[in-house]
């Protein structure tokens, strides 16, 4: 079940707010929702502009009262043509009862949150005063919780996930293991940095950067994890893409050369 926190331009961004993307000037956009003309619409919340925006009736509309999505366990997956997976996150419904889902798409150097309208076969984003249609987009999903169980080569735990089959058709199971004293630890923008996290450097403001990785558009990318800013960034097609869920490299015997 999603947690939505009522907010306004006069309040700070709630702790644990879900980052949805970035504006064309690089400032973060958070996932929100707001009512307009009987529809409960996905909203892009931009604290630096002091408001949120929804799109409706071919226009971008400002909102000063809205809700912000907070929590962990979310991810973005590629979709197109109005399609959404079963675990897609809904903002609500239209006044006619049609569900609306939260999506985002690239437009004019931004990564903007908007509404996936399945019957229209697209994502609409509020941008530049208009309602912009995008046929390809990412949809926000609620991830199932992973459970990792210690085991040995001679025992397969119940409900182990089959990843494939060997040449003799023996099943291959999904697993993970440490190697040479380092490991990847799942984390988020709102969690404490894991013990023995590997420092990668510092940003132009002097804040510590840790080595991370995360998925984007089907790729596993190196990430800059900046705990002080409660965010991580990956580089993709010339843009710095914010990520609020990622893995952090941890170990005690790693050095830079």
C-alpha atoms as a PDB file:
ATOM      1  CA  UNK A   1       0.000   0.000   0.000  1.00  0.00           C
ATOM      2  CA  UNK A   2       1.402   3.397  -0.981  1.00  0.00           C
ATOM      3  CA  UNK A   3       1.939   6.197   1.527  1.00  0.00           C
ATOM      4  CA  UNK A   4       0.975   9.688   0.382  1.00  0.00           C
ATOM      5  CA  UNK A   5       1.810  12.723   2.549  1.00  0.00           C
ATOM      6  CA  UNK A   6      -0.096  15.984   2.141  1.00  0.00           C
ATOM      7  CA  UNK A   7       2.224  18.898   1.388  1.00  0.00           C
ATOM      8  CA  UNK A   8       2.346  22.440   0.040  1.00  0.00           C
ATOM      9  CA  UNK A   9       4.959  24.953  -1.159  1.00  0.00           C
ATOM     10  CA  UNK A  10       5.301  26.215   2.416  1.00  0.00           C
ATOM     11  CA  UNK A  11       6.424  22.866   3.799  1.00  0.00           C
ATOM     12  CA  UNK A  12       9.722  20.987   3.376  1.00  0.00           C
ATOM     13  CA  UNK A  13       9.785  17.887   1.202  1.00  0.00           C
ATOM     14  CA  UNK A  14       8.641  14.967   3.399  1.00  0.00           C
ATOM     15  CA  UNK A  15      11.363  12.523   4.535  1.00  0.00           C
ATOM     16  CA  UNK A  16      11.565   9.550   2.205  1.00  0.00           C
ATOM     17  CA  UNK A  17       9.947  11.362  -0.726  1.00  0.00           C
ATOM     18  CA  UNK A  18      10.317   9.367  -3.956  1.00  0.00           C
ATOM     19  CA  UNK A  19      12.490  11.084  -6.564  1.00  0.00           C
ATOM     20  CA  UNK A  20      10.860  10.955  -9.967  1.00  0.00           C
ATOM     21  CA  UNK A  21      13.394  12.717 -12.150  1.00  0.00           C
ATOM     22  CA  UNK A  22      14.874  16.148 -12.767  1.00  0.00           C
ATOM     23  CA  UNK A  23      13.876  19.406 -14.391  1.00  0.00           C
ATOM     24  CA  UNK A  24      15.731  20.840 -17.385  1.00  0.00           C
ATOM     25  CA  UNK A  25      17.941  22.845 -14.978  1.00  0.00           C
ATOM     26  CA  UNK A  26      18.882  19.691 -13.050  1.00  0.00           C
ATOM     27  CA  UNK A  27      16.739  20.330  -9.957  1.00  0.00           C
ATOM     28  CA  UNK A  28      14.997  17.228  -8.552  1.00  0.00           C
ATOM     29  CA  UNK A  29      11.385  16.347  -9.303  1.00  0.00           C
ATOM     30  CA  UNK A  30       9.438  14.300  -6.744  1.00  0.00           C
ATOM     31  CA  UNK A  31       6.454  12.020  -7.334  1.00  0.00           C
ATOM     32  CA  UNK A  32       3.154  13.565  -6.276  1.00  0.00           C
ATOM     33  CA  UNK A  33      -0.551  13.607  -6.993  1.00  0.00           C
ATOM     34  CA  UNK A  34      -3.333  16.180  -6.860  1.00  0.00           C
ATOM     35  CA  UNK A  35      -7.041  16.475  -7.677  1.00  0.00           C
ATOM     36  CA  UNK A  36      -8.231  18.462 -10.676  1.00  0.00           C
ATOM     37  CA  UNK A  37     -11.739  18.472 -12.168  1.00  0.00           C
ATOM     38  CA  UNK A  38     -12.590  15.220 -10.401  1.00  0.00           C
ATOM     39  CA  UNK A  39      -9.447  13.357 -11.526  1.00  0.00           C
ATOM     40  CA  UNK A  40      -6.736  12.253  -9.081  1.00  0.00           C
ATOM     41  CA  UNK A  41      -3.723  13.040 -11.250  1.00  0.00           C
ATOM     42  CA  UNK A  42      -0.023  12.226 -10.964  1.00  0.00           C
ATOM     43  CA  UNK A  43       1.928  15.409 -10.275  1.00  0.00           C
ATOM     44  CA  UNK A  44       5.507  16.535 -10.680  1.00  0.00           C
ATOM     45  CA  UNK A  45       6.556  18.242  -7.446  1.00  0.00           C
ATOM     46  CA  UNK A  46       9.394  20.745  -7.924  1.00  0.00           C
ATOM     47  CA  UNK A  47      10.372  22.333  -4.583  1.00  0.00           C
ATOM     48  CA  UNK A  48      12.677  24.868  -6.264  1.00  0.00           C
ATOM     49  CA  UNK A  49       9.652  26.295  -8.117  1.00  0.00           C
ATOM     50  CA  UNK A  50       7.422  26.282  -5.040  1.00  0.00           C
ATOM     51  CA  UNK A  51       4.619  24.207  -6.540  1.00  0.00           C
ATOM     52  CA  UNK A  52       3.516  21.022  -8.254  1.00  0.00           C
ATOM     53  CA  UNK A  53       2.210  20.553 -11.782  1.00  0.00           C
ATOM     54  CA  UNK A  54      -0.398  18.273 -13.344  1.00  0.00           C
ATOM     55  CA  UNK A  55      -1.540  18.000 -16.934  1.00  0.00           C
ATOM     56  CA  UNK A  56      -5.191  18.068 -17.925  1.00  0.00           C
ATOM     57  CA  UNK A  57      -7.111  19.209 -20.983  1.00  0.00           C
ATOM     58  CA  UNK A  58      -3.942  19.792 -23.058  1.00  0.00           C
ATOM     59  CA  UNK A  59      -2.528  22.190 -20.443  1.00  0.00           C
ATOM     60  CA  UNK A  60       0.064  22.214 -17.665  1.00  0.00           C
ATOM     61  CA  UNK A  61      -1.672  23.305 -14.453  1.00  0.00           C
ATOM     62  CA  UNK A  62      -0.038  24.566 -11.237  1.00  0.00           C
ATOM     63  CA  UNK A  63      -1.061  23.088  -7.892  1.00  0.00           C
ATOM     64  CA  UNK A  64      -0.225  24.478  -4.459  1.00  0.00           C
ATOM     65  CA  UNK A  65      -1.801  21.633  -2.492  1.00  0.00           C
ATOM     66  CA  UNK A  66      -0.837  18.080  -3.308  1.00  0.00           C
ATOM     67  CA  UNK A  67       0.376  14.783  -1.884  1.00  0.00           C
ATOM     68  CA  UNK A  68       3.920  13.416  -2.111  1.00  0.00           C
ATOM     69  CA  UNK A  69       4.698   9.702  -2.405  1.00  0.00           C
ATOM     70  CA  UNK A  70       7.080   8.485   0.311  1.00  0.00           C
ATOM     71  CA  UNK A  71       8.688   5.137   1.031  1.00  0.00           C
ATOM     72  CA  UNK A  72      11.108   2.553  -0.304  1.00  0.00           C
ATOM     73  CA  UNK A  73      10.912  -0.398  -2.651  1.00  0.00           C
ATOM     74  CA  UNK A  74      10.027   1.469  -5.848  1.00  0.00           C
ATOM     75  CA  UNK A  75      11.638   1.168  -9.269  1.00  0.00           C
ATOM     76  CA  UNK A  76      11.116   2.394 -12.833  1.00  0.00           C
ATOM     77  CA  UNK A  77      10.691   0.025 -15.782  1.00  0.00           C
ATOM     78  CA  UNK A  78      10.395   0.805 -19.515  1.00  0.00           C
ATOM     79  CA  UNK A  79       6.959   0.578 -21.167  1.00  0.00           C
ATOM     80  CA  UNK A  80       5.126   2.031 -24.153  1.00  0.00           C
ATOM     81  CA  UNK A  81       1.713   2.458 -25.739  1.00  0.00           C
ATOM     82  CA  UNK A  82      -0.265   2.843 -22.515  1.00  0.00           C
ATOM     83  CA  UNK A  83       0.866  -0.532 -21.154  1.00  0.00           C
ATOM     84  CA  UNK A  84       1.631  -0.969 -17.445  1.00  0.00           C
ATOM     85  CA  UNK A  85       2.797  -4.040 -15.467  1.00  0.00           C
ATOM     86  CA  UNK A  86       0.590  -5.566 -12.749  1.00  0.00           C
ATOM     87  CA  UNK A  87       2.598  -3.903  -9.948  1.00  0.00           C
ATOM     88  CA  UNK A  88       2.425  -0.396 -11.448  1.00  0.00           C
ATOM     89  CA  UNK A  89       1.698   2.396  -8.945  1.00  0.00           C
ATOM     90  CA  UNK A  90      -1.632   4.203  -9.340  1.00  0.00           C
ATOM     91  CA  UNK A  91      -2.225   7.832  -8.446  1.00  0.00           C
ATOM     92  CA  UNK A  92      -5.977   7.261  -8.447  1.00  0.00           C
ATOM     93  CA  UNK A  93      -8.701   7.352 -11.063  1.00  0.00           C
ATOM     94  CA  UNK A  94     -10.378   9.731 -13.459  1.00  0.00           C
ATOM     95  CA  UNK A  95     -13.870  10.997 -12.636  1.00  0.00           C
ATOM     96  CA  UNK A  96     -15.122   8.198 -14.915  1.00  0.00           C
ATOM     97  CA  UNK A  97     -13.328   5.545 -12.863  1.00  0.00           C
ATOM     98  CA  UNK A  98     -10.402   4.812 -15.195  1.00  0.00           C
ATOM     99  CA  UNK A  99      -7.150   4.146 -13.295  1.00  0.00           C
ATOM    100  CA  UNK A 100      -4.213   6.484 -13.855  1.00  0.00           C
ATOM    101  CA  UNK A 101      -0.625   5.347 -13.313  1.00  0.00           C
ATOM    102  CA  UNK A 102       2.585   7.184 -12.525  1.00  0.00           C
ATOM    103  CA  UNK A 103       5.127   7.398 -15.322  1.00  0.00           C
ATOM    104  CA  UNK A 104       8.010   9.546 -16.434  1.00  0.00           C
ATOM    105  CA  UNK A 105       9.705  10.401 -19.693  1.00  0.00           C
ATOM    106  CA  UNK A 106      12.542  12.381 -21.226  1.00  0.00           C
ATOM    107  CA  UNK A 107      11.655  15.722 -22.779  1.00  0.00           C
ATOM    108  CA  UNK A 108      13.730  18.868 -23.436  1.00  0.00           C
ATOM    109  CA  UNK A 109      16.648  17.789 -21.199  1.00  0.00           C
ATOM    110  CA  UNK A 110      14.292  16.878 -18.367  1.00  0.00           C
ATOM    111  CA  UNK A 111      13.064  13.604 -16.903  1.00  0.00           C
ATOM    112  CA  UNK A 112       9.502  14.540 -16.032  1.00  0.00           C
ATOM    113  CA  UNK A 113       6.788  12.767 -14.027  1.00  0.00           C
ATOM    114  CA  UNK A 114       3.355  12.471 -15.611  1.00  0.00           C
ATOM    115  CA  UNK A 115       0.221  10.344 -16.008  1.00  0.00           C
ATOM    116  CA  UNK A 116      -0.062   7.085 -17.906  1.00  0.00           C
ATOM    117  CA  UNK A 117      -3.548   7.016 -19.423  1.00  0.00           C
ATOM    118  CA  UNK A 118      -4.007   3.421 -20.638  1.00  0.00           C
ATOM    119  CA  UNK A 119      -7.053   4.106 -22.822  1.00  0.00           C
ATOM    120  CA  UNK A 120      -5.104   6.881 -24.602  1.00  0.00           C
ATOM    121  CA  UNK A 121      -2.111   4.578 -25.163  1.00  0.00           C
ATOM    122  CA  UNK A 122       0.521   6.976 -23.846  1.00  0.00           C
ATOM    123  CA  UNK A 123       2.122   8.996 -21.064  1.00  0.00           C
ATOM    124  CA  UNK A 124       1.217  12.661 -20.694  1.00  0.00           C
ATOM    125  CA  UNK A 125       3.642  15.009 -18.937  1.00  0.00           C
ATOM    126  CA  UNK A 126       3.092  18.614 -17.834  1.00  0.00           C
ATOM    127  CA  UNK A 127       5.786  20.741 -19.453  1.00  0.00           C
ATOM    128  CA  UNK A 128       6.144  24.321 -20.678  1.00  0.00           C
ATOM    129  CA  UNK A 129       2.476  25.123 -20.146  1.00  0.00           C
ATOM    130  CA  UNK A 130       1.327  22.169 -22.236  1.00  0.00           C
ATOM    131  CA  UNK A 131       0.287  18.546 -21.914  1.00  0.00           C
ATOM    132  CA  UNK A 132       2.993  16.669 -23.837  1.00  0.00           C
ATOM    133  CA  UNK A 133       2.313  13.161 -25.190  1.00  0.00           C
ATOM    134  CA  UNK A 134       5.050  10.496 -25.025  1.00  0.00           C
ATOM    135  CA  UNK A 135       4.493   7.018 -26.453  1.00  0.00           C
ATOM    136  CA  UNK A 136       7.569   5.481 -24.763  1.00  0.00           C
ATOM    137  CA  UNK A 137       8.170   6.027 -21.061  1.00  0.00           C
ATOM    138  CA  UNK A 138       9.026   4.455 -17.711  1.00  0.00           C
ATOM    139  CA  UNK A 139       6.377   3.363 -15.229  1.00  0.00           C
ATOM    140  CA  UNK A 140       6.759   3.397 -11.452  1.00  0.00           C
ATOM    141  CA  UNK A 141       6.386  -0.054  -9.902  1.00  0.00           C
ATOM    142  CA  UNK A 142       6.290  -1.468  -6.407  1.00  0.00           C
ATOM    143  CA  UNK A 143       9.044  -4.069  -6.133  1.00  0.00           C
ATOM    144  CA  UNK A 144       8.510  -7.369  -4.386  1.00  0.00           C
ATOM    145  CA  UNK A 145      10.728  -7.758  -1.337  1.00  0.00           C
ATOM    146  CA  UNK A 146      13.779  -9.943  -1.953  1.00  0.00           C
ATOM    147  CA  UNK A 147      14.768 -12.557   0.607  1.00  0.00           C
ATOM    148  CA  UNK A 148      18.321 -13.920   0.573  1.00  0.00           C
ATOM    149  CA  UNK A 149      18.870 -17.166   2.522  1.00  0.00           C
ATOM    150  CA  UNK A 150      22.337 -18.525   3.525  1.00  0.00           C
ATOM    151  CA  UNK A 151      22.901 -21.983   2.086  1.00  0.00           C
ATOM    152  CA  UNK A 152      25.517 -24.466   0.830  1.00  0.00           C
ATOM    153  CA  UNK A 153      26.130 -26.162  -2.537  1.00  0.00           C
ATOM    154  CA  UNK A 154      24.339 -29.249  -1.241  1.00  0.00           C
ATOM    155  CA  UNK A 155      21.042 -27.654  -0.249  1.00  0.00           C
ATOM    156  CA  UNK A 156      18.464 -25.671  -2.230  1.00  0.00           C
ATOM    157  CA  UNK A 157      16.137 -23.594  -0.003  1.00  0.00           C
ATOM    158  CA  UNK A 158      12.362 -23.846  -0.559  1.00  0.00           C
ATOM    159  CA  UNK A 159      10.999 -21.410  -3.178  1.00  0.00           C
ATOM    160  CA  UNK A 160      14.457 -20.701  -4.607  1.00  0.00           C
ATOM    161  CA  UNK A 161      14.253 -18.682  -7.847  1.00  0.00           C
ATOM    162  CA  UNK A 162      15.226 -20.622 -10.981  1.00  0.00           C
ATOM    163  CA  UNK A 163      17.395 -18.455 -13.228  1.00  0.00           C
ATOM    164  CA  UNK A 164      17.856 -20.924 -16.070  1.00  0.00           C
ATOM    165  CA  UNK A 165      19.128 -24.391 -16.995  1.00  0.00           C
ATOM    166  CA  UNK A 166      22.575 -25.854 -17.613  1.00  0.00           C
ATOM    167  CA  UNK A 167      23.501 -27.783 -20.763  1.00  0.00           C
ATOM    168  CA  UNK A 168      22.346 -31.008 -19.082  1.00  0.00           C
ATOM    169  CA  UNK A 169      19.010 -29.312 -18.190  1.00  0.00           C
ATOM    170  CA  UNK A 170      19.894 -29.149 -14.492  1.00  0.00           C
ATOM    171  CA  UNK A 171      18.330 -26.020 -12.933  1.00  0.00           C
ATOM    172  CA  UNK A 172      20.452 -22.944 -12.200  1.00  0.00           C
ATOM    173  CA  UNK A 173      19.304 -20.903  -9.204  1.00  0.00           C
ATOM    174  CA  UNK A 174      19.734 -17.188  -8.570  1.00  0.00           C
ATOM    175  CA  UNK A 175      22.346 -16.600  -5.846  1.00  0.00           C
ATOM    176  CA  UNK A 176      24.944 -14.123  -4.647  1.00  0.00           C
ATOM    177  CA  UNK A 177      28.301 -14.491  -2.899  1.00  0.00           C
ATOM    178  CA  UNK A 178      31.213 -12.420  -1.627  1.00  0.00           C
ATOM    179  CA  UNK A 179      34.499 -12.570  -3.524  1.00  0.00           C
ATOM    180  CA  UNK A 180      37.848 -11.124  -2.461  1.00  0.00           C
ATOM    181  CA  UNK A 181      36.361  -9.302   0.529  1.00  0.00           C
ATOM    182  CA  UNK A 182      33.956  -7.011  -1.281  1.00  0.00           C
ATOM    183  CA  UNK A 183      30.220  -7.042  -1.844  1.00  0.00           C
ATOM    184  CA  UNK A 184      27.349  -4.897  -3.125  1.00  0.00           C
ATOM    185  CA  UNK A 185      24.859  -3.836  -0.452  1.00  0.00           C
ATOM    186  CA  UNK A 186      21.368  -2.657  -1.396  1.00  0.00           C
ATOM    187  CA  UNK A 187      20.613   0.814  -0.052  1.00  0.00           C
ATOM    188  CA  UNK A 188      18.526   3.893  -0.728  1.00  0.00           C
ATOM    189  CA  UNK A 189      18.740   7.660  -0.520  1.00  0.00           C
ATOM    190  CA  UNK A 190      17.048   7.553   2.866  1.00  0.00           C
ATOM    191  CA  UNK A 191      19.142   4.810   4.526  1.00  0.00           C
ATOM    192  CA  UNK A 192      22.424   5.115   6.426  1.00  0.00           C
ATOM    193  CA  UNK A 193      25.534   4.365   4.381  1.00  0.00           C
ATOM    194  CA  UNK A 194      26.516   0.679   4.873  1.00  0.00           C
ATOM    195  CA  UNK A 195      29.629  -0.248   6.912  1.00  0.00           C
ATOM    196  CA  UNK A 196      32.906  -0.337   4.934  1.00  0.00           C
ATOM    197  CA  UNK A 197      31.384   1.533   1.983  1.00  0.00           C
ATOM    198  CA  UNK A 198      34.093   2.376  -0.553  1.00  0.00           C
ATOM    199  CA  UNK A 199      34.779   6.105  -0.916  1.00  0.00           C
ATOM    200  CA  UNK A 200      35.137   7.198  -4.516  1.00  0.00           C
ATOM    201  CA  UNK A 201      35.934  10.888  -4.004  1.00  0.00           C
ATOM    202  CA  UNK A 202      34.075  14.100  -3.303  1.00  0.00           C
ATOM    203  CA  UNK A 203      31.901  16.512  -5.266  1.00  0.00           C
ATOM    204  CA  UNK A 204      32.529  20.198  -5.939  1.00  0.00           C
ATOM    205  CA  UNK A 205      30.999  21.122  -2.580  1.00  0.00           C
ATOM    206  CA  UNK A 206      33.295  18.746  -0.729  1.00  0.00           C
ATOM    207  CA  UNK A 207      30.621  16.147   0.059  1.00  0.00           C
ATOM    208  CA  UNK A 208      31.805  12.529   0.120  1.00  0.00           C
ATOM    209  CA  UNK A 209      30.958  10.330  -2.878  1.00  0.00           C
ATOM    210  CA  UNK A 210      30.705   6.554  -2.436  1.00  0.00           C
ATOM    211  CA  UNK A 211      30.933   3.946  -5.193  1.00  0.00           C
ATOM    212  CA  UNK A 212      27.551   2.566  -6.208  1.00  0.00           C
ATOM    213  CA  UNK A 213      25.664   0.928  -9.027  1.00  0.00           C
ATOM    214  CA  UNK A 214      22.043   0.809 -10.182  1.00  0.00           C
ATOM    215  CA  UNK A 215      19.816  -0.090 -13.135  1.00  0.00           C
ATOM    216  CA  UNK A 216      18.648   2.394 -15.765  1.00  0.00           C
ATOM    217  CA  UNK A 217      16.877   1.514 -19.014  1.00  0.00           C
ATOM    218  CA  UNK A 218      18.097  -2.085 -18.799  1.00  0.00           C
ATOM    219  CA  UNK A 219      21.740  -1.171 -18.079  1.00  0.00           C
ATOM    220  CA  UNK A 220      23.681  -1.660 -14.836  1.00  0.00           C
ATOM    221  CA  UNK A 221      25.535   1.635 -14.385  1.00  0.00           C
ATOM    222  CA  UNK A 222      28.164   2.935 -11.984  1.00  0.00           C
ATOM    223  CA  UNK A 223      26.583   5.445  -9.599  1.00  0.00           C
ATOM    224  CA  UNK A 224      27.842   8.350  -7.512  1.00  0.00           C
ATOM    225  CA  UNK A 225      26.260   7.926  -4.080  1.00  0.00           C
ATOM    226  CA  UNK A 226      26.166  11.214  -2.142  1.00  0.00           C
ATOM    227  CA  UNK A 227      24.601  10.586   1.301  1.00  0.00           C
ATOM    228  CA  UNK A 228      24.646  14.241   2.347  1.00  0.00           C
ATOM    229  CA  UNK A 229      22.405  15.086  -0.609  1.00  0.00           C
ATOM    230  CA  UNK A 230      20.263  11.938  -0.102  1.00  0.00           C
ATOM    231  CA  UNK A 231      20.658  10.909  -3.728  1.00  0.00           C
ATOM    232  CA  UNK A 232      22.764   8.962  -6.212  1.00  0.00           C
ATOM    233  CA  UNK A 233      23.491   9.844  -9.824  1.00  0.00           C
ATOM    234  CA  UNK A 234      24.251   7.825 -12.942  1.00  0.00           C
ATOM    235  CA  UNK A 235      25.439   9.180 -16.257  1.00  0.00           C
ATOM    236  CA  UNK A 236      23.250   8.267 -19.239  1.00  0.00           C
ATOM    237  CA  UNK A 237      23.164   9.877 -22.693  1.00  0.00           C
ATOM    238  CA  UNK A 238      24.970  12.959 -21.450  1.00  0.00           C
ATOM    239  CA  UNK A 239      22.654  13.506 -18.480  1.00  0.00           C
ATOM    240  CA  UNK A 240      23.079  13.036 -14.729  1.00  0.00           C
ATOM    241  CA  UNK A 241      20.067  10.901 -13.755  1.00  0.00           C
ATOM    242  CA  UNK A 242      19.063  10.898 -10.047  1.00  0.00           C
ATOM    243  CA  UNK A 243      18.398   7.520  -8.422  1.00  0.00           C
ATOM    244  CA  UNK A 244      17.005   6.879  -4.958  1.00  0.00           C
ATOM    245  CA  UNK A 245      17.544   3.094  -4.913  1.00  0.00           C
ATOM    246  CA  UNK A 246      20.958   1.569  -5.600  1.00  0.00           C
ATOM    247  CA  UNK A 247      23.708  -0.749  -4.344  1.00  0.00           C
ATOM    248  CA  UNK A 248      26.848   0.454  -2.546  1.00  0.00           C
ATOM    249  CA  UNK A 249      30.255  -1.220  -2.956  1.00  0.00           C
ATOM    250  CA  UNK A 250      31.568  -2.338   0.452  1.00  0.00           C
ATOM    251  CA  UNK A 251      34.898  -3.910   1.365  1.00  0.00           C
ATOM    252  CA  UNK A 252      38.076  -3.535   3.400  1.00  0.00           C
ATOM    253  CA  UNK A 253      40.823  -4.520   0.949  1.00  0.00           C
ATOM    254  CA  UNK A 254      40.060  -2.236  -1.990  1.00  0.00           C
ATOM    255  CA  UNK A 255      42.503   0.495  -3.042  1.00  0.00           C
ATOM    256  CA  UNK A 256      42.705   3.085  -5.839  1.00  0.00           C
ATOM    257  CA  UNK A 257      45.691   2.979  -8.201  1.00  0.00           C
END
